[in-house]
PDB file of N, CA and C in Angstrom:
ATOM      1  N   MET A   1      24.397 -10.861   0.831  1.00  0.00           N
ATOM      2  CA  MET A   1      23.423  -9.863   1.185  1.00  0.00           C
ATOM      3  C   MET A   1      22.243  -9.942   0.210  1.00  0.00           C
ATOM      4  N   SER A   2      21.006  -9.956   0.730  1.00  0.00           N
ATOM      5  CA  SER A   2      19.845 -10.038  -0.155  1.00  0.00           C
ATOM      6  C   SER A   2      19.523  -8.659  -0.725  1.00  0.00           C
ATOM      7  N   GLN A   3      19.059  -8.657  -1.954  1.00  0.00           N
ATOM      8  CA  GLN A   3      18.710  -7.407  -2.617  1.00  0.00           C
ATOM      9  C   GLN A   3      17.271  -7.032  -2.283  1.00  0.00           C
ATOM     10  N   LYS A   4      17.038  -5.763  -1.980  1.00  0.00           N
ATOM     11  CA  LYS A   4      15.685  -5.286  -1.723  1.00  0.00           C
ATOM     12  C   LYS A   4      14.979  -5.062  -3.054  1.00  0.00           C
ATOM     13  N   LYS A   5      13.719  -5.419  -3.076  1.00  0.00           N
ATOM     14  CA  LYS A   5      12.910  -5.195  -4.268  1.00  0.00           C
ATOM     15  C   LYS A   5      12.522  -3.712  -4.326  1.00  0.00           C
ATOM     16  N   ILE A   6      12.694  -3.116  -5.470  1.00  0.00           N
ATOM     17  CA  ILE A   6      12.398  -1.703  -5.632  1.00  0.00           C
ATOM     18  C   ILE A   6      10.940  -1.547  -6.082  1.00  0.00           C
ATOM     19  N   GLY A   7      10.273  -0.522  -5.565  1.00  0.00           N
ATOM     20  CA  GLY A   7       8.902  -0.235  -5.966  1.00  0.00           C
ATOM     21  C   GLY A   7       7.967  -0.266  -4.773  1.00  0.00           C
ATOM     22  N   ARG A   8       6.686  -0.116  -5.081  1.00  0.00           N
ATOM     23  CA  ARG A   8       5.675  -0.118  -4.028  1.00  0.00           C
ATOM     24  C   ARG A   8       5.488  -1.518  -3.471  1.00  0.00           C
ATOM     25  N   PRO A   9       5.222  -1.618  -2.167  1.00  0.00           N
ATOM     26  CA  PRO A   9       4.918  -2.932  -1.609  1.00  0.00           C
ATOM     27  C   PRO A   9       3.556  -3.410  -2.119  1.00  0.00           C
ATOM     28  N   VAL A  10       3.424  -4.712  -2.265  1.00  0.00           N
ATOM     29  CA  VAL A  10       2.185  -5.287  -2.772  1.00  0.00           C
ATOM     30  C   VAL A  10       1.128  -5.240  -1.680  1.00  0.00           C
ATOM     31  N   SER A  11      -0.057  -4.762  -2.026  1.00  0.00           N
ATOM     32  CA  SER A  11      -1.183  -4.710  -1.099  1.00  0.00           C
ATOM     33  C   SER A  11      -1.726  -6.117  -0.875  1.00  0.00           C
ATOM     34  N   PRO A  12      -2.186  -6.424   0.342  1.00  0.00           N
ATOM     35  CA  PRO A  12      -2.709  -7.771   0.597  1.00  0.00           C
ATOM     36  C   PRO A  12      -3.933  -8.120  -0.261  1.00  0.00           C
ATOM     37  N   ASP A  13      -4.712  -7.121  -0.641  1.00  0.00           N
ATOM     38  CA  ASP A  13      -5.877  -7.390  -1.485  1.00  0.00           C
ATOM     39  C   ASP A  13      -5.704  -6.777  -2.875  1.00  0.00           C
ATOM     40  N   SER A  14      -4.500  -6.947  -3.430  1.00  0.00           N
ATOM     41  CA  SER A  14      -4.225  -6.380  -4.751  1.00  0.00           C
ATOM     42  C   SER A  14      -5.097  -7.050  -5.809  1.00  0.00           C
ATOM     43  N   LYS A  15      -5.415  -6.304  -6.802  1.00  0.00           N
ATOM     44  CA  LYS A  15      -6.282  -6.781  -7.880  1.00  0.00           C
ATOM     45  C   LYS A  15      -5.398  -7.237  -9.033  1.00  0.00           C
ATOM     46  N   HIS A  16      -5.025  -8.487  -9.036  1.00  0.00           N
ATOM     47  CA  HIS A  16      -4.102  -9.003 -10.034  1.00  0.00           C
ATOM     48  C   HIS A  16      -4.791  -9.775 -11.158  1.00  0.00           C
ATOM     49  N   THR A  17      -6.091 -10.018 -11.037  1.00  0.00           N
ATOM     50  CA  THR A  17      -6.815 -10.743 -12.072  1.00  0.00           C
ATOM     51  C   THR A  17      -7.530  -9.750 -12.980  1.00  0.00           C
ATOM     52  N   MET A  18      -7.296  -9.888 -14.279  1.00  0.00           N
ATOM     53  CA  MET A  18      -7.950  -9.015 -15.242  1.00  0.00           C
ATOM     54  C   MET A  18      -9.083  -9.786 -15.931  1.00  0.00           C
ATOM     55  N   PHE A  19     -10.219  -9.125 -16.084  1.00  0.00           N
ATOM     56  CA  PHE A  19     -11.376  -9.721 -16.727  1.00  0.00           C
ATOM     57  C   PHE A  19     -11.885  -8.740 -17.766  1.00  0.00           C
ATOM     58  N   ARG A  20     -11.926  -9.182 -19.017  1.00  0.00           N
ATOM     59  CA  ARG A  20     -12.398  -8.302 -20.094  1.00  0.00           C
ATOM     60  C   ARG A  20     -13.833  -8.670 -20.439  1.00  0.00           C
ATOM     61  N   VAL A  21     -14.599  -7.669 -20.808  1.00  0.00           N
ATOM     62  CA  VAL A  21     -16.001  -7.892 -21.152  1.00  0.00           C
ATOM     63  C   VAL A  21     -16.361  -6.998 -22.337  1.00  0.00           C
ATOM     64  N   ARG A  22     -17.212  -7.512 -23.181  1.00  0.00           N
ATOM     65  CA  ARG A  22     -17.701  -6.704 -24.309  1.00  0.00           C
ATOM     66  C   ARG A  22     -19.041  -6.093 -23.922  1.00  0.00           C
ATOM     67  N   LEU A  23     -19.191  -4.799 -24.200  1.00  0.00           N
ATOM     68  CA  LEU A  23     -20.424  -4.089 -23.881  1.00  0.00           C
ATOM     69  C   LEU A  23     -20.962  -3.406 -25.130  1.00  0.00           C
ATOM     70  N   ASP A  24     -22.289  -3.343 -25.213  1.00  0.00           N
ATOM     71  CA  ASP A  24     -22.872  -2.548 -26.286  1.00  0.00           C
ATOM     72  C   ASP A  24     -22.818  -1.075 -25.872  1.00  0.00           C
ATOM     73  N   ASP A  25     -23.137  -0.191 -26.784  1.00  0.00           N
ATOM     74  CA  ASP A  25     -23.019   1.243 -26.515  1.00  0.00           C
ATOM     75  C   ASP A  25     -23.904   1.689 -25.355  1.00  0.00           C
ATOM     76  N   THR A  26     -25.103   1.112 -25.252  1.00  0.00           N
ATOM     77  CA  THR A  26     -26.038   1.480 -24.186  1.00  0.00           C
ATOM     78  C   THR A  26     -25.483   1.094 -22.819  1.00  0.00           C
ATOM     79  N   SER A  27     -24.968  -0.117 -22.699  1.00  0.00           N
ATOM     80  CA  SER A  27     -24.406  -0.562 -21.424  1.00  0.00           C
ATOM     81  C   SER A  27     -23.178   0.257 -21.050  1.00  0.00           C
ATOM     82  N   MET A  28     -22.358   0.585 -22.026  1.00  0.00           N
ATOM     83  CA  MET A  28     -21.167   1.386 -21.763  1.00  0.00           C
ATOM     84  C   MET A  28     -21.556   2.784 -21.287  1.00  0.00           C
ATOM     85  N   ALA A  29     -22.578   3.361 -21.907  1.00  0.00           N
ATOM     86  CA  ALA A  29     -23.041   4.687 -21.500  1.00  0.00           C
ATOM     87  C   ALA A  29     -23.571   4.643 -20.064  1.00  0.00           C
ATOM     88  N   LYS A  30     -24.280   3.580 -19.709  1.00  0.00           N
ATOM     89  CA  LYS A  30     -24.793   3.432 -18.342  1.00  0.00           C
ATOM     90  C   LYS A  30     -23.641   3.290 -17.350  1.00  0.00           C
ATOM     91  N   LEU A  31     -22.637   2.522 -17.720  1.00  0.00           N
ATOM     92  CA  LEU A  31     -21.467   2.343 -16.859  1.00  0.00           C
ATOM     93  C   LEU A  31     -20.755   3.675 -16.643  1.00  0.00           C
ATOM     94  N   GLU A  32     -20.553   4.417 -17.715  1.00  0.00           N
ATOM     95  CA  GLU A  32     -19.907   5.735 -17.622  1.00  0.00           C
ATOM     96  C   GLU A  32     -20.727   6.683 -16.740  1.00  0.00           C
ATOM     97  N   GLU A  33     -22.043   6.671 -16.924  1.00  0.00           N
ATOM     98  CA  GLU A  33     -22.923   7.542 -16.147  1.00  0.00           C
ATOM     99  C   GLU A  33     -22.831   7.212 -14.653  1.00  0.00           C
ATOM    100  N   CYS A  34     -22.861   5.928 -14.334  1.00  0.00           N
ATOM    101  CA  CYS A  34     -22.753   5.501 -12.934  1.00  0.00           C
ATOM    102  C   CYS A  34     -21.426   5.934 -12.335  1.00  0.00           C
ATOM    103  N   ALA A  35     -20.344   5.726 -13.056  1.00  0.00           N
ATOM    104  CA  ALA A  35     -19.021   6.084 -12.561  1.00  0.00           C
ATOM    105  C   ALA A  35     -18.918   7.588 -12.325  1.00  0.00           C
ATOM    106  N   LYS A  36     -19.449   8.354 -13.255  1.00  0.00           N
ATOM    107  CA  LYS A  36     -19.393   9.811 -13.134  1.00  0.00           C
ATOM    108  C   LYS A  36     -20.236  10.291 -11.950  1.00  0.00           C
ATOM    109  N   GLU A  37     -21.437   9.740 -11.819  1.00  0.00           N
ATOM    110  CA  GLU A  37     -22.353  10.139 -10.749  1.00  0.00           C
ATOM    111  C   GLU A  37     -21.791   9.777  -9.369  1.00  0.00           C
ATOM    112  N   LEU A  38     -21.193   8.592  -9.260  1.00  0.00           N
ATOM    113  CA  LEU A  38     -20.666   8.119  -7.981  1.00  0.00           C
ATOM    114  C   LEU A  38     -19.237   8.599  -7.728  1.00  0.00           C
ATOM    115  N   LYS A  39     -18.616   9.192  -8.751  1.00  0.00           N
ATOM    116  CA  LYS A  39     -17.226   9.673  -8.678  1.00  0.00           C
ATOM    117  C   LYS A  39     -16.270   8.540  -8.312  1.00  0.00           C
ATOM    118  N   ILE A  40     -16.451   7.402  -8.989  1.00  0.00           N
ATOM    119  CA  ILE A  40     -15.576   6.248  -8.822  1.00  0.00           C
ATOM    120  C   ILE A  40     -15.209   5.732 -10.214  1.00  0.00           C
ATOM    121  N   THR A  41     -14.283   4.805 -10.272  1.00  0.00           N
ATOM    122  CA  THR A  41     -13.865   4.264 -11.563  1.00  0.00           C
ATOM    123  C   THR A  41     -14.902   3.285 -12.099  1.00  0.00           C
ATOM    124  N   ARG A  42     -14.818   3.006 -13.379  1.00  0.00           N
ATOM    125  CA  ARG A  42     -15.710   2.018 -13.983  1.00  0.00           C
ATOM    126  C   ARG A  42     -15.495   0.648 -13.349  1.00  0.00           C
ATOM    127  N   SER A  43     -14.246   0.336 -13.051  1.00  0.00           N
ATOM    128  CA  SER A  43     -13.948  -0.940 -12.397  1.00  0.00           C
ATOM    129  C   SER A  43     -14.630  -1.037 -11.037  1.00  0.00           C
ATOM    130  N   ASP A  44     -14.615   0.068 -10.293  1.00  0.00           N
ATOM    131  CA  ASP A  44     -15.280   0.069  -8.988  1.00  0.00           C
ATOM    132  C   ASP A  44     -16.789  -0.097  -9.126  1.00  0.00           C
ATOM    133  N   VAL A  45     -17.377   0.479 -10.171  1.00  0.00           N
ATOM    134  CA  VAL A  45     -18.806   0.292 -10.414  1.00  0.00           C
ATOM    135  C   VAL A  45     -19.104  -1.189 -10.656  1.00  0.00           C
ATOM    136  N   VAL A  46     -18.275  -1.839 -11.456  1.00  0.00           N
ATOM    137  CA  VAL A  46     -18.461  -3.265 -11.732  1.00  0.00           C
ATOM    138  C   VAL A  46     -18.310  -4.071 -10.450  1.00  0.00           C
ATOM    139  N   ARG A  47     -17.290  -3.763  -9.651  1.00  0.00           N
ATOM    140  CA  ARG A  47     -17.094  -4.478  -8.387  1.00  0.00           C
ATOM    141  C   ARG A  47     -18.292  -4.311  -7.463  1.00  0.00           C
ATOM    142  N   LYS A  48     -18.817  -3.072  -7.373  1.00  0.00           N
ATOM    143  CA  LYS A  48     -19.998  -2.829  -6.540  1.00  0.00           C
ATOM    144  C   LYS A  48     -21.205  -3.604  -7.063  1.00  0.00           C
ATOM    145  N   GLY A  49     -21.331  -3.693  -8.375  1.00  0.00           N
ATOM    146  CA  GLY A  49     -22.422  -4.460  -8.965  1.00  0.00           C
ATOM    147  C   GLY A  49     -22.329  -5.934  -8.622  1.00  0.00           C
ATOM    148  N   ILE A  50     -21.123  -6.474  -8.657  1.00  0.00           N
ATOM    149  CA  ILE A  50     -20.909  -7.875  -8.296  1.00  0.00           C
ATOM    150  C   ILE A  50     -21.292  -8.095  -6.839  1.00  0.00           C
ATOM    151  N   GLU A  51     -20.845  -7.195  -5.958  1.00  0.00           N
ATOM    152  CA  GLU A  51     -21.188  -7.321  -4.539  1.00  0.00           C
ATOM    153  C   GLU A  51     -22.691  -7.254  -4.319  1.00  0.00           C
ATOM    154  N   LYS A  52     -23.361  -6.321  -5.013  1.00  0.00           N
ATOM    155  CA  LYS A  52     -24.815  -6.162  -4.856  1.00  0.00           C
ATOM    156  C   LYS A  52     -25.552  -7.418  -5.296  1.00  0.00           C
ATOM    157  N   ILE A  53     -25.221  -7.953  -6.442  1.00  0.00           N
ATOM    158  CA  ILE A  53     -25.867  -9.170  -6.931  1.00  0.00           C
ATOM    159  C   ILE A  53     -25.585 -10.328  -5.985  1.00  0.00           C
ATOM    160  N   HIS A  54     -24.350 -10.437  -5.531  1.00  0.00           N
ATOM    161  CA  HIS A  54     -23.969 -11.531  -4.615  1.00  0.00           C
ATOM    162  C   HIS A  54     -24.763 -11.427  -3.319  1.00  0.00           C
ATOM    163  N   ASP A  55     -24.857 -10.198  -2.755  1.00  0.00           N
ATOM    164  CA  ASP A  55     -25.622  -9.997  -1.525  1.00  0.00           C
ATOM    165  C   ASP A  55     -27.093 -10.343  -1.726  1.00  0.00           C
ATOM    166  N   ASP A  56     -27.648  -9.951  -2.877  1.00  0.00           N
ATOM    167  CA  ASP A  56     -29.058 -10.253  -3.168  1.00  0.00           C
ATOM    168  C   ASP A  56     -29.290 -11.769  -3.256  1.00  0.00           C
ATOM    169  N   LEU A  57     -28.344 -12.501  -3.782  1.00  0.00           N
ATOM    170  CA  LEU A  57     -28.477 -13.956  -3.883  1.00  0.00           C
ATOM    171  C   LEU A  57     -28.460 -14.615  -2.511  1.00  0.00           C
ATOM    172  N   LYS A  58     -27.731 -14.022  -1.573  1.00  0.00           N
ATOM    173  CA  LYS A  58     -27.613 -14.594  -0.228  1.00  0.00           C
ATOM    174  C   LYS A  58     -28.846 -14.311   0.631  1.00  0.00           C
ATOM    175  N   LYS A  59     -29.726 -13.403   0.194  1.00  0.00           N
ATOM    176  CA  LYS A  59     -30.926 -13.053   0.975  1.00  0.00           C
ATOM    177  C   LYS A  59     -32.010 -14.086   0.794  1.00  0.00           C
TER     178      LYS A  59
END
């Protein structure tokens, strides 16, 4: 009999890659401000920024 894996099922678009970045105080404050204003996480702000830059490059 096979054993069932315990825990949440893995999402098809799970975020398994971690990327660390160093920021100066000004950039960090801007990131925090954006996250607070948009009511999203800092990671989501970075992801949105990547999408925006990528879309702009494709234009």
